Amino acid sequence: MSPRLFLVLLFIILPLAEIFVLAEVGAALGGVLTVALVVFSAVLGALLLRHQGFYTLRQVRASLDRGEPPALPMLEGGVLVLAAVLLLVPGFITDIVGLALLITPLRRALVKGFLRRVLVVPPGRGGPPPGPGESPRTLEGEYRRED
């Protein structure tokens, strides 16, 4: 998707769709209940943003303590922050997307799919990690130590 098309969708079509959905929900449920639902989702988003920030920080620290790269917890934390921001934005379409990102299997599948598309090479390795059933590639050679 081109950046221009994405920006058109984000800044023109999404707000119009949100206004339409808000009007329809307001007509069906009434104005007070619609506003209450929008405020509730914003409060939920703010609480989630605070809670998930601390949770992500703990997961990153635990990964670092184990000597593992914290890529997965950091990306999951980023998706959770995106979900919280989407819940803060007034509207039901963004709320549905934000709530979908809170579903752990969906969130992990998105993050792992992203990691599969982006080649992550740990420092000191010259190529992609070995696949399942493959052994690491070993380079043989001679060396001598000079003091």
Protein backbone atom coordinates (compact mmCIF):
# COMPACT_ATOMS: atom_id res chain seq x y z
CA MET A 1 0.00 0.00 0.00
CA SER A 2 1.42 3.36 -0.97
CA PRO A 3 1.97 5.94 1.78
CA ARG A 4 -0.40 8.40 0.11
CA LEU A 5 -3.25 5.90 0.00
CA PHE A 6 -2.60 4.98 3.63
CA LEU A 7 -2.74 8.65 4.67
CA VAL A 8 -5.98 9.17 2.72
CA LEU A 9 -7.51 6.19 4.48
CA LEU A 10 -6.21 7.29 7.87
CA PHE A 11 -7.13 10.97 7.81
CA ILE A 12 -10.19 11.15 5.56
CA ILE A 13 -12.02 7.86 5.24
CA LEU A 14 -11.56 6.56 8.82
CA PRO A 15 -12.96 9.70 10.53
CA LEU A 16 -15.92 9.72 8.14
CA ALA A 17 -16.59 6.05 8.85
CA GLU A 18 -16.28 6.71 12.60
CA ILE A 19 -18.80 9.58 12.38
CA PHE A 20 -21.22 7.40 10.43
CA VAL A 21 -20.96 4.53 12.93
CA LEU A 22 -21.31 6.90 15.89
CA ALA A 23 -24.46 8.38 14.33
CA GLU A 24 -25.94 4.94 13.69
CA VAL A 25 -25.14 3.70 17.20
CA GLY A 26 -26.50 6.95 18.64
CA ALA A 27 -29.73 6.47 16.72
CA ALA A 28 -30.05 2.87 17.92
CA LEU A 29 -28.98 3.24 21.56
CA GLY A 30 -29.49 6.91 22.28
CA GLY A 31 -27.01 9.73 22.67
CA VAL A 32 -26.26 9.31 26.37
CA LEU A 33 -25.45 5.61 26.14
CA THR A 34 -23.32 6.18 23.02
CA VAL A 35 -21.28 8.88 24.75
CA ALA A 36 -20.96 6.65 27.84
CA LEU A 37 -19.60 3.80 25.68
CA VAL A 38 -17.07 6.13 24.02
CA VAL A 39 -15.91 7.50 27.38
CA PHE A 40 -15.71 3.97 28.83
CA SER A 41 -13.49 2.79 25.97
CA ALA A 42 -11.22 5.84 26.42
CA VAL A 43 -10.85 5.16 30.16
CA LEU A 44 -10.18 1.49 29.42
CA GLY A 45 -7.51 2.52 26.91
CA ALA A 46 -5.80 4.81 29.42
CA LEU A 47 -5.77 2.12 32.11
CA LEU A 48 -4.51 -0.45 29.62
CA LEU A 49 -1.73 1.84 28.44
CA ARG A 50 -0.51 2.31 32.00
CA HIS A 51 -0.75 -1.37 32.96
CA GLN A 52 0.76 -2.75 29.75
CA GLY A 53 3.65 -0.30 29.88
CA PHE A 54 4.78 -1.73 33.22
CA TYR A 55 4.08 -5.30 32.09
CA THR A 56 6.15 -4.85 28.93
CA LEU A 57 9.01 -3.34 30.91
CA ARG A 58 9.03 -6.38 33.24
CA GLN A 59 9.04 -8.77 30.27
CA VAL A 60 11.92 -6.93 28.59
CA ARG A 61 13.93 -6.99 31.81
CA ALA A 62 13.24 -10.71 32.27
CA SER A 63 14.38 -11.44 28.70
CA LEU A 64 17.55 -9.45 29.23
CA ASP A 65 18.21 -11.24 32.55
CA ARG A 66 17.95 -14.57 30.73
CA GLY A 67 20.38 -13.32 28.07
CA GLU A 68 17.75 -13.42 25.33
CA PRO A 69 17.06 -10.61 22.88
CA PRO A 70 13.92 -8.76 23.99
CA ALA A 71 12.50 -8.40 20.46
CA LEU A 72 9.30 -10.39 21.02
CA PRO A 73 8.28 -8.71 24.31
CA MET A 74 9.12 -5.27 22.91
CA LEU A 75 7.07 -5.80 19.74
CA GLU A 76 4.17 -7.24 21.73
CA GLY A 77 4.39 -4.22 23.99
CA GLY A 78 4.30 -1.97 20.96
CA VAL A 79 1.17 -3.70 19.68
CA LEU A 80 -0.42 -3.35 23.14
CA VAL A 81 0.38 0.37 23.17
CA LEU A 82 -1.20 0.64 19.71
CA ALA A 83 -4.28 -1.16 21.04
CA ALA A 84 -4.48 1.25 23.97
CA VAL A 85 -4.15 4.28 21.69
CA LEU A 86 -6.87 2.91 19.42
CA LEU A 87 -9.12 2.55 22.46
CA LEU A 88 -8.37 6.14 23.46
CA VAL A 89 -9.44 7.48 20.05
CA PRO A 90 -13.18 8.17 20.10
CA GLY A 91 -15.10 5.84 17.82
CA PHE A 92 -16.25 2.28 17.56
CA ILE A 93 -14.21 1.12 14.56
CA THR A 94 -10.91 1.95 16.29
CA ASP A 95 -12.27 0.36 19.48
CA ILE A 96 -12.99 -2.91 17.67
CA VAL A 97 -9.48 -2.98 16.18
CA GLY A 98 -7.99 -2.09 19.58
CA LEU A 99 -9.93 -4.85 21.33
CA ALA A 100 -8.89 -7.34 18.64
CA LEU A 101 -5.24 -6.49 19.32
CA LEU A 102 -5.79 -7.37 22.99
CA ILE A 103 -6.47 -11.01 22.07
CA THR A 104 -3.18 -12.72 22.93
CA PRO A 105 -3.09 -15.38 20.15
CA LEU A 106 -3.91 -12.79 17.50
CA ARG A 107 -1.34 -10.34 18.85
CA ARG A 108 1.39 -12.99 19.00
CA ALA A 109 0.55 -14.20 15.49
CA LEU A 110 0.86 -10.64 14.19
CA VAL A 111 4.20 -10.09 15.93
CA LYS A 112 5.62 -13.45 14.82
CA GLY A 113 4.42 -12.83 11.26
CA PHE A 114 6.16 -9.46 11.33
CA LEU A 115 9.36 -11.05 12.66
CA ARG A 116 9.24 -13.68 9.90
CA ARG A 117 9.01 -10.97 7.26
CA VAL A 118 11.90 -9.00 8.75
CA LEU A 119 15.22 -10.80 8.87
CA VAL A 120 16.72 -10.42 12.33
CA VAL A 121 20.38 -11.40 12.47
CA PRO A 122 21.97 -11.45 15.93
CA PRO A 123 25.32 -9.64 16.16
CA GLY A 124 28.28 -11.79 15.18
CA ARG A 125 26.35 -14.04 12.80
CA GLY A 126 26.78 -13.68 9.09
CA GLY A 127 23.47 -15.01 7.89
CA PRO A 128 20.01 -16.16 8.79
CA PRO A 129 19.61 -18.56 11.70
CA PRO A 130 19.48 -22.25 10.80
CA GLY A 131 16.07 -23.63 9.98
CA PRO A 132 14.42 -26.59 11.67
CA GLY A 133 16.50 -29.73 11.29
CA GLU A 134 19.60 -27.82 10.14
CA SER A 135 22.79 -27.54 12.09
CA PRO A 136 24.60 -24.22 12.46
CA ARG A 137 27.11 -23.51 9.72
CA THR A 138 30.68 -23.84 10.93
CA LEU A 139 33.62 -22.20 9.21
CA GLU A 140 36.84 -24.09 9.59
CA GLY A 141 40.22 -22.44 9.49
CA GLU A 142 43.57 -22.03 11.16
CA TYR A 143 44.73 -19.30 13.44
CA ARG A 144 47.68 -18.44 15.57
CA ARG A 145 47.83 -16.35 18.64
CA GLU A 146 50.33 -13.54 18.92
CA ASP A 147 50.95 -11.95 22.28
